[in-house]
């Protein structure tokens, strides 16, 4: 929500080259942006509550704790059920760093009423990169500190490097192999960078060091539920193998932490719990997106993964600077990358970086789920000029 507003602002600020005047005077009322976000979230939450009531679903509010495999205590009430679905989400991690109380998590960041001048982000995963790009485009000087050898370790190597180039052009700094040792009283982040000491001043320090499953207070031992990766261990039916009356979905399993995955898994877990294990999860064609500015979306394998598992792999690219719609809109940063089997043309992975990437990836996901080859997608008609045309152009390229 904050990202969408900042994207409008960023695109508007750079629209002077399109003949739009007065863009230098544009500004952001950060407090008003946050208040609008709060209103929308409150409205959506009320709508969900009403939907539950319309379906005749009883809602008990309070901390739940298992008393047995099918018995729970919720507040002052004890309830029993034939089946239980755990969907408790995740919570921000606060690592054991000296002075960590001087930092905030994403839960607090979205309520800040003023935009910081400088922000240091500890963690270069999805949350760190999304909020880092968002505030950088809004005018904050952003530094990202990543403990591992690369930010966004799950994305395609080439696409990551293009994104980092765009980020640096936006004034962001990225540091890898960083061990944060202390957050000082003045919010200077002290660290070792590749073994050398480093100091990073900040007005706000954002902890983006992961969101572990929020299951610690459920007393899962009483239900006999086994954990894995800090979450509920489940089989392909989202059922606990050690407590067969218990199912879990979403972040509570500690696996794929994406909102669409939670929706997808929630429906499957509920159906299997009520009707027996009829449907197994299938993540092969799961599209995901990192809402940086611009966004980076992907479905299927990265190039590195594809080359490790397939003998002959082809790669096609379509830079957005060659897309007429992107040129007209001055949104030419980024590219589409298609990875396929050379012999059969079977699509192995598609990656999109650029304006609207989170929407364009749906085209590729649908094609892959439908079993279409690269050549078949590349031969399709499409509306011209559109950003989506870059998908088809990349498929057709040779």
Protein backbone atom coordinates (compact mmCIF):
# COMPACT_ATOMS: atom_id res chain seq x y z
CA UNK A 1 0.00 0.00 0.00
CA UNK A 2 2.79 2.44 0.94
CA UNK A 3 4.79 1.11 -2.01
CA UNK A 4 1.95 1.84 -4.46
CA UNK A 5 1.66 5.45 -3.32
CA UNK A 6 5.41 6.00 -3.43
CA UNK A 7 5.52 4.49 -6.92
CA UNK A 8 2.94 7.03 -8.13
CA UNK A 9 5.02 9.82 -6.60
CA UNK A 10 8.28 8.52 -8.04
CA UNK A 11 6.86 8.09 -11.54
CA UNK A 12 5.26 11.53 -11.37
CA UNK A 13 8.52 13.16 -10.23
CA UNK A 14 10.36 11.75 -13.25
CA UNK A 15 7.63 12.68 -15.73
CA UNK A 16 9.13 16.06 -16.66
CA UNK A 17 10.65 14.44 -19.73
CA UNK A 18 7.14 13.57 -20.91
CA UNK A 19 6.18 17.23 -21.09
CA UNK A 20 4.43 17.39 -17.71
CA UNK A 21 5.25 20.61 -15.85
CA UNK A 22 5.35 21.42 -12.16
CA UNK A 23 6.75 18.07 -11.12
CA UNK A 24 9.54 19.72 -9.08
CA UNK A 25 6.91 20.97 -6.62
CA UNK A 26 5.48 17.53 -5.90
CA UNK A 27 5.86 16.25 -2.34
CA UNK A 28 4.78 13.50 0.02
CA UNK A 29 2.64 13.96 3.12
CA UNK A 30 3.89 10.82 4.85
CA UNK A 31 1.50 11.16 7.76
CA UNK A 32 -1.48 11.35 5.40
CA UNK A 33 -0.22 8.33 3.47
CA UNK A 34 0.01 6.26 6.66
CA UNK A 35 -3.43 7.42 7.86
CA UNK A 36 -4.98 6.38 4.54
CA UNK A 37 -3.30 3.00 4.85
CA UNK A 38 -4.74 2.59 8.35
CA UNK A 39 -8.25 3.46 7.13
CA UNK A 40 -8.06 0.94 4.29
CA UNK A 41 -6.74 -1.84 6.52
CA UNK A 42 -9.44 -1.18 9.13
CA UNK A 43 -12.13 -1.24 6.44
CA UNK A 44 -10.88 -4.50 4.97
CA UNK A 45 -10.64 -6.10 8.42
CA UNK A 46 -14.24 -5.17 9.21
CA UNK A 47 -15.33 -6.62 5.91
CA UNK A 48 -13.67 -9.94 6.72
CA UNK A 49 -15.36 -10.04 10.12
CA UNK A 50 -18.77 -9.47 8.52
CA UNK A 51 -18.07 -12.20 5.96
CA UNK A 52 -17.40 -14.70 8.75
CA UNK A 53 -20.61 -13.73 10.54
CA UNK A 54 -22.63 -14.11 7.33
CA UNK A 55 -21.31 -17.65 6.95
CA UNK A 56 -22.36 -18.51 10.49
CA UNK A 57 -18.79 -18.93 11.70
CA UNK A 58 -18.24 -18.31 15.40
CA UNK A 59 -15.21 -16.15 16.19
CA UNK A 60 -13.46 -16.53 19.56
CA UNK A 61 -10.91 -13.82 20.32
CA UNK A 62 -7.92 -14.52 22.53
CA UNK A 63 -4.67 -16.44 22.81
CA UNK A 64 -5.23 -20.10 21.93
CA UNK A 65 -3.32 -22.94 23.58
CA UNK A 66 -3.62 -26.65 22.90
CA UNK A 67 -4.66 -28.80 25.84
CA UNK A 68 -4.63 -31.95 23.72
CA UNK A 69 -4.78 -32.98 20.05
CA UNK A 70 -8.34 -31.61 19.69
CA UNK A 71 -8.83 -29.45 22.78
CA UNK A 72 -7.86 -25.81 23.06
CA UNK A 73 -8.10 -23.05 25.62
CA UNK A 74 -9.02 -19.64 24.14
CA UNK A 75 -9.07 -16.96 26.79
CA UNK A 76 -11.40 -18.34 29.47
CA UNK A 77 -13.11 -20.86 27.17
CA UNK A 78 -12.25 -24.46 26.43
CA UNK A 79 -13.23 -25.71 22.98
CA UNK A 80 -13.01 -29.05 21.22
CA UNK A 81 -12.94 -29.82 17.52
CA UNK A 82 -12.70 -32.83 15.26
CA UNK A 83 -10.07 -31.04 13.18
CA UNK A 84 -7.88 -27.99 13.79
CA UNK A 85 -6.24 -25.74 11.18
CA UNK A 86 -3.35 -23.57 12.36
CA UNK A 87 -2.99 -20.33 10.41
CA UNK A 88 -1.31 -18.00 12.88
CA UNK A 89 1.05 -16.28 10.44
CA UNK A 90 4.49 -15.04 11.40
CA UNK A 91 6.12 -12.39 13.58
CA UNK A 92 9.24 -10.24 13.08
CA UNK A 93 12.50 -11.64 14.42
CA UNK A 94 14.64 -9.52 16.73
CA UNK A 95 18.17 -10.90 16.56
CA UNK A 96 20.45 -10.86 19.63
CA UNK A 97 22.29 -7.64 18.76
CA UNK A 98 23.48 -5.21 21.43
CA UNK A 99 21.16 -2.19 21.36
CA UNK A 100 18.51 -4.01 19.30
CA UNK A 101 15.80 -2.19 21.28
CA UNK A 102 16.79 0.98 19.39
CA UNK A 103 15.66 -0.56 16.11
CA UNK A 104 12.18 -1.14 14.73
CA UNK A 105 10.61 -3.93 12.69
CA UNK A 106 8.35 -3.68 9.66
CA UNK A 107 5.36 -3.80 12.02
CA UNK A 108 6.44 -0.43 13.47
CA UNK A 109 7.77 1.06 10.25
CA UNK A 110 4.36 1.08 8.58
CA UNK A 111 3.09 3.33 11.39
CA UNK A 112 5.83 5.98 11.22
CA UNK A 113 4.21 9.39 10.71
CA UNK A 114 7.36 11.08 9.41
CA UNK A 115 9.81 9.98 6.75
CA UNK A 116 13.35 9.45 8.09
CA UNK A 117 16.26 11.17 6.40
CA UNK A 118 18.50 8.10 6.77
CA UNK A 119 17.56 4.46 7.24
CA UNK A 120 19.77 1.44 7.73
CA UNK A 121 18.10 -1.87 6.88
CA UNK A 122 19.50 -4.93 8.63
CA UNK A 123 18.61 -7.76 6.26
CA UNK A 124 18.46 -7.96 2.48
CA UNK A 125 15.54 -10.33 2.00
CA UNK A 126 12.06 -9.57 0.67
CA UNK A 127 10.99 -7.22 3.47
CA UNK A 128 14.28 -5.37 3.68
CA UNK A 129 14.49 -4.77 -0.05
CA UNK A 130 10.85 -3.81 -0.46
CA UNK A 131 10.88 -1.22 2.32
CA UNK A 132 14.38 -0.12 1.34
CA UNK A 133 13.34 0.70 -2.22
CA UNK A 134 10.06 2.25 -1.04
CA UNK A 135 11.71 4.74 1.30
CA UNK A 136 14.58 5.41 -1.08
CA UNK A 137 12.13 6.40 -3.81
CA UNK A 138 10.37 8.61 -1.25
CA UNK A 139 13.60 10.47 -0.52
CA UNK A 140 15.26 8.61 2.36
CA UNK A 141 18.93 7.72 2.14
CA UNK A 142 18.90 3.91 2.48
CA UNK A 143 21.70 1.49 3.34
CA UNK A 144 21.05 -2.28 3.24
CA UNK A 145 23.25 -4.60 5.33
CA UNK A 146 23.02 -8.28 4.39
CA UNK A 147 24.63 -11.03 6.49
CA UNK A 148 24.97 -13.47 3.59
CA UNK A 149 26.88 -13.25 0.30
CA UNK A 150 23.94 -11.76 -1.61
CA UNK A 151 20.65 -9.96 -1.13
CA UNK A 152 17.47 -11.68 -2.29
CA UNK A 153 19.17 -15.11 -2.39
CA UNK A 154 16.15 -16.80 -3.97
CA UNK A 155 16.02 -14.71 -7.16
CA UNK A 156 17.83 -15.14 -10.47
CA UNK A 157 21.44 -13.93 -10.33
CA UNK A 158 21.24 -11.79 -13.45
CA UNK A 159 17.95 -10.17 -12.43
CA UNK A 160 19.36 -9.41 -8.98
CA UNK A 161 22.34 -7.59 -10.46
CA UNK A 162 20.12 -5.48 -12.71
CA UNK A 163 17.92 -4.61 -9.71
CA UNK A 164 20.95 -3.64 -7.62
CA UNK A 165 22.19 -1.38 -10.41
CA UNK A 166 18.81 0.35 -10.44
CA UNK A 167 18.92 0.65 -6.65
CA UNK A 168 22.36 2.22 -6.68
CA UNK A 169 21.18 4.71 -9.30
CA UNK A 170 18.40 5.60 -6.85
CA UNK A 171 21.03 6.38 -4.20
CA UNK A 172 20.86 3.11 -2.23
CA UNK A 173 23.92 1.42 -0.75
CA UNK A 174 24.21 -2.36 -0.46
CA UNK A 175 26.72 -4.24 1.70
CA UNK A 176 27.03 -8.04 1.88
CA UNK A 177 28.81 -10.35 4.33
CA UNK A 178 27.93 -8.00 7.17
CA UNK A 179 27.89 -8.98 10.84
CA UNK A 180 26.04 -6.31 12.84
CA UNK A 181 27.53 -6.08 16.33
CA UNK A 182 25.80 -3.12 17.96
CA UNK A 183 23.23 -0.38 17.49
CA UNK A 184 24.56 2.61 19.39
CA UNK A 185 22.56 5.17 21.37
CA UNK A 186 22.64 7.60 18.40
CA UNK A 187 21.46 4.76 16.11
CA UNK A 188 24.79 4.31 14.42
CA UNK A 189 24.93 0.69 13.33
CA UNK A 190 28.31 -0.84 14.13
CA UNK A 191 29.30 -3.87 12.10
CA UNK A 192 32.01 -5.97 10.53
CA UNK A 193 31.92 -5.91 6.72
CA UNK A 194 33.98 -8.72 5.21
CA UNK A 195 35.91 -8.73 8.46
CA UNK A 196 36.59 -4.97 8.49
CA UNK A 197 34.90 -2.55 10.94
CA UNK A 198 32.08 -0.37 9.60
CA UNK A 199 29.81 2.34 10.99
CA UNK A 200 26.48 3.27 9.39
CA UNK A 201 24.61 6.31 10.78
CA UNK A 202 20.82 6.25 10.73
CA UNK A 203 17.74 8.02 11.97
CA UNK A 204 15.81 4.73 11.77
CA UNK A 205 17.22 1.22 11.91
CA UNK A 206 14.89 -1.37 10.35
CA UNK A 207 15.25 -5.00 11.38
CA UNK A 208 14.37 -7.13 8.36
CA UNK A 209 15.95 -10.35 9.57
CA UNK A 210 13.06 -12.67 8.82
CA UNK A 211 9.63 -13.52 10.18
CA UNK A 212 9.57 -16.89 11.98
CA UNK A 213 6.26 -18.78 12.30
CA UNK A 214 4.05 -17.38 15.06
CA UNK A 215 3.44 -20.68 16.84
CA UNK A 216 5.49 -20.34 20.01
CA UNK A 217 2.56 -19.76 22.38
CA UNK A 218 0.25 -22.48 21.02
CA UNK A 219 1.62 -25.22 23.32
CA UNK A 220 1.93 -27.53 20.32
CA UNK A 221 3.59 -30.20 22.47
CA UNK A 222 0.22 -30.92 24.09
CA UNK A 223 -1.17 -31.77 20.67
CA UNK A 224 1.83 -33.85 19.64
CA UNK A 225 2.59 -31.51 16.73
CA UNK A 226 6.15 -31.78 15.41
CA UNK A 227 8.00 -28.65 14.27
CA UNK A 228 10.22 -28.10 11.24
CA UNK A 229 12.08 -24.88 10.35
CA UNK A 230 10.40 -23.35 13.38
CA UNK A 231 6.90 -24.00 11.99
CA UNK A 232 4.37 -26.79 11.92
CA UNK A 233 5.74 -29.77 10.00
CA UNK A 234 3.18 -30.85 7.38
CA UNK A 235 2.88 -33.37 4.56
CA UNK A 236 1.68 -32.70 1.00
CA UNK A 237 -1.89 -32.44 2.32
CA UNK A 238 -0.84 -29.78 4.88
CA UNK A 239 -1.51 -32.29 7.65
CA UNK A 240 0.71 -32.77 10.68
CA UNK A 241 2.25 -36.27 10.35
CA UNK A 242 2.45 -36.61 14.14
CA UNK A 243 -1.00 -35.16 14.94
CA UNK A 244 -3.32 -36.22 12.08
CA UNK A 245 -6.24 -34.08 13.28
CA UNK A 246 -4.14 -30.92 12.95
CA UNK A 247 -3.47 -29.07 9.68
CA UNK A 248 -1.54 -25.86 9.04
CA UNK A 249 -1.33 -23.28 6.27
CA UNK A 250 0.56 -20.13 5.38
CA UNK A 251 3.50 -18.71 7.32
CA UNK A 252 2.74 -21.04 10.25
CA UNK A 253 4.44 -23.86 8.32
CA UNK A 254 7.66 -21.88 7.83
CA UNK A 255 7.81 -22.74 4.13
CA UNK A 256 6.58 -20.35 1.39
CA UNK A 257 5.95 -17.01 3.09
CA UNK A 258 3.80 -15.25 0.51
CA UNK A 259 0.22 -14.00 0.92
CA UNK A 260 -1.12 -15.85 -2.17
CA UNK A 261 0.42 -19.07 -0.83
CA UNK A 262 -1.48 -18.61 2.43
CA UNK A 263 -4.74 -18.21 0.49
CA UNK A 264 -3.94 -21.24 -1.65
CA UNK A 265 -2.90 -23.41 1.28
CA UNK A 266 -5.73 -22.25 3.51
CA UNK A 267 -8.37 -23.53 1.10
CA UNK A 268 -6.57 -26.86 0.65
CA UNK A 269 -6.03 -27.36 4.39
CA UNK A 270 -9.68 -26.65 5.15
CA UNK A 271 -10.94 -28.95 2.39
CA UNK A 272 -8.65 -31.79 3.44
CA UNK A 273 -9.56 -31.37 7.10
CA UNK A 274 -13.29 -31.49 6.34
CA UNK A 275 -13.41 -34.04 3.51
CA UNK A 276 -10.28 -36.13 3.90
CA UNK A 277 -6.94 -35.78 2.17
CA UNK A 278 -8.06 -35.29 -1.41
CA UNK A 279 -5.81 -32.49 -2.63
CA UNK A 280 -2.04 -32.13 -2.42
CA UNK A 281 -0.20 -28.83 -2.72
CA UNK A 282 1.62 -28.05 -5.97
CA UNK A 283 4.10 -25.15 -6.03
CA UNK A 284 5.60 -25.77 -9.49
CA UNK A 285 3.92 -22.80 -11.13
CA UNK A 286 3.78 -20.46 -8.17
CA UNK A 287 4.41 -16.86 -9.28
CA UNK A 288 6.00 -14.55 -6.72
CA UNK A 289 7.05 -10.92 -6.69
CA UNK A 290 9.34 -8.67 -4.71
CA UNK A 291 7.67 -5.27 -4.54
CA UNK A 292 10.77 -3.21 -5.04
CA UNK A 293 10.50 -0.16 -7.28
CA UNK A 294 10.47 -1.43 -9.95
CA UNK A 295 9.12 -4.84 -8.98
CA UNK A 296 10.87 -8.15 -9.63
CA UNK A 297 8.64 -11.17 -10.31
CA UNK A 298 9.37 -14.78 -11.16
CA UNK A 299 7.83 -18.18 -11.75
CA UNK A 300 9.65 -21.50 -12.04
CA UNK A 301 13.42 -22.01 -11.96
CA UNK A 302 16.26 -19.51 -11.93
CA UNK A 303 18.92 -19.90 -14.63
CA UNK A 304 21.31 -21.41 -12.09
CA UNK A 305 18.69 -23.96 -10.97
CA UNK A 306 17.74 -24.82 -14.54
CA UNK A 307 21.33 -25.44 -15.64
CA UNK A 308 21.91 -27.64 -12.60
CA UNK A 309 18.95 -29.88 -13.41
CA UNK A 310 18.69 -29.85 -17.23
CA UNK A 311 21.42 -30.72 -19.76
CA UNK A 312 20.63 -28.08 -22.41
CA UNK A 313 19.02 -24.80 -21.42
CA UNK A 314 18.17 -21.81 -23.59
CA UNK A 315 17.77 -18.23 -22.35
CA UNK A 316 15.88 -15.44 -24.12
CA UNK A 317 15.83 -11.82 -23.01
CA UNK A 318 13.71 -8.80 -23.89
CA UNK A 319 14.99 -5.53 -22.35
CA UNK A 320 12.15 -3.13 -21.61
CA UNK A 321 14.06 -0.35 -23.37
CA UNK A 322 13.06 -2.14 -26.59
CA UNK A 323 9.35 -2.24 -25.62
CA UNK A 324 7.38 0.60 -27.26
CA UNK A 325 4.84 0.87 -24.44
CA UNK A 326 7.64 1.18 -21.89
CA UNK A 327 9.32 3.80 -24.04
CA UNK A 328 6.14 5.86 -24.35
CA UNK A 329 5.71 5.80 -20.56
CA UNK A 330 9.42 6.28 -19.80
CA UNK A 331 9.41 3.04 -17.81
CA UNK A 332 12.27 1.34 -19.61
CA UNK A 333 14.29 0.04 -16.65
CA UNK A 334 14.34 -3.76 -16.44
CA UNK A 335 13.87 -6.78 -18.68
CA UNK A 336 12.04 -10.07 -19.25
CA UNK A 337 14.08 -13.28 -19.09
CA UNK A 338 12.77 -16.64 -20.33
CA UNK A 339 14.52 -19.92 -19.47
CA UNK A 340 13.55 -23.03 -21.44
CA UNK A 341 14.64 -26.49 -22.54
CA UNK A 342 16.40 -26.11 -25.86
CA UNK A 343 15.15 -29.36 -27.37
CA UNK A 344 11.47 -29.22 -26.40
CA UNK A 345 10.92 -25.51 -25.79
CA UNK A 346 9.36 -26.36 -22.42
CA UNK A 347 9.30 -23.32 -20.17
CA UNK A 348 11.43 -23.74 -17.05
CA UNK A 349 11.33 -20.25 -15.60
CA UNK A 350 10.33 -16.69 -16.42
CA UNK A 351 11.60 -13.57 -14.67
CA UNK A 352 10.36 -10.00 -15.07
CA UNK A 353 11.92 -6.84 -13.68
CA UNK A 354 10.21 -3.56 -14.40
CA UNK A 355 6.98 -1.60 -14.23
CA UNK A 356 4.01 -3.92 -13.77
CA UNK A 357 6.18 -7.00 -13.29
CA UNK A 358 3.82 -8.31 -10.62
CA UNK A 359 1.02 -8.39 -13.23
CA UNK A 360 3.05 -9.49 -16.25
CA UNK A 361 4.31 -12.63 -14.49
CA UNK A 362 0.73 -13.96 -14.44
CA UNK A 363 0.95 -14.42 -18.22
CA UNK A 364 3.98 -16.65 -17.85
CA UNK A 365 2.52 -18.58 -14.92
CA UNK A 366 -0.65 -19.35 -16.88
CA UNK A 367 1.38 -20.46 -19.91
CA UNK A 368 3.55 -22.76 -17.81
CA UNK A 369 0.58 -24.29 -16.02
CA UNK A 370 -1.08 -24.85 -19.39
CA UNK A 371 1.99 -26.65 -20.74
CA UNK A 372 2.64 -24.18 -23.55
CA UNK A 373 6.09 -24.11 -25.11
CA UNK A 374 8.19 -21.02 -25.66
CA UNK A 375 7.42 -21.04 -29.39
CA UNK A 376 3.68 -21.43 -28.83
CA UNK A 377 3.56 -18.41 -26.51
CA UNK A 378 5.84 -16.43 -28.79
CA UNK A 379 3.49 -17.01 -31.74
CA UNK A 380 0.43 -15.62 -29.92
CA UNK A 381 -1.22 -12.34 -30.84
CA UNK A 382 -1.11 -9.60 -28.23
CA UNK A 383 -2.32 -6.05 -27.85
CA UNK A 384 0.21 -3.52 -29.13
CA UNK A 385 1.72 -1.46 -27.64
CA UNK A 386 1.61 -2.96 -24.13
CA UNK A 387 4.12 -3.78 -21.43
CA UNK A 388 2.81 -7.35 -21.61
CA UNK A 389 4.13 -7.55 -25.14
CA UNK A 390 7.61 -7.90 -23.67
CA UNK A 391 6.64 -11.38 -22.40
CA UNK A 392 5.65 -12.52 -25.88
CA UNK A 393 8.66 -10.85 -27.50
CA UNK A 394 11.01 -12.65 -25.12
CA UNK A 395 9.31 -15.95 -25.94
CA UNK A 396 9.58 -15.34 -29.69
CA UNK A 397 13.19 -14.19 -29.57
CA UNK A 398 15.73 -16.68 -30.53
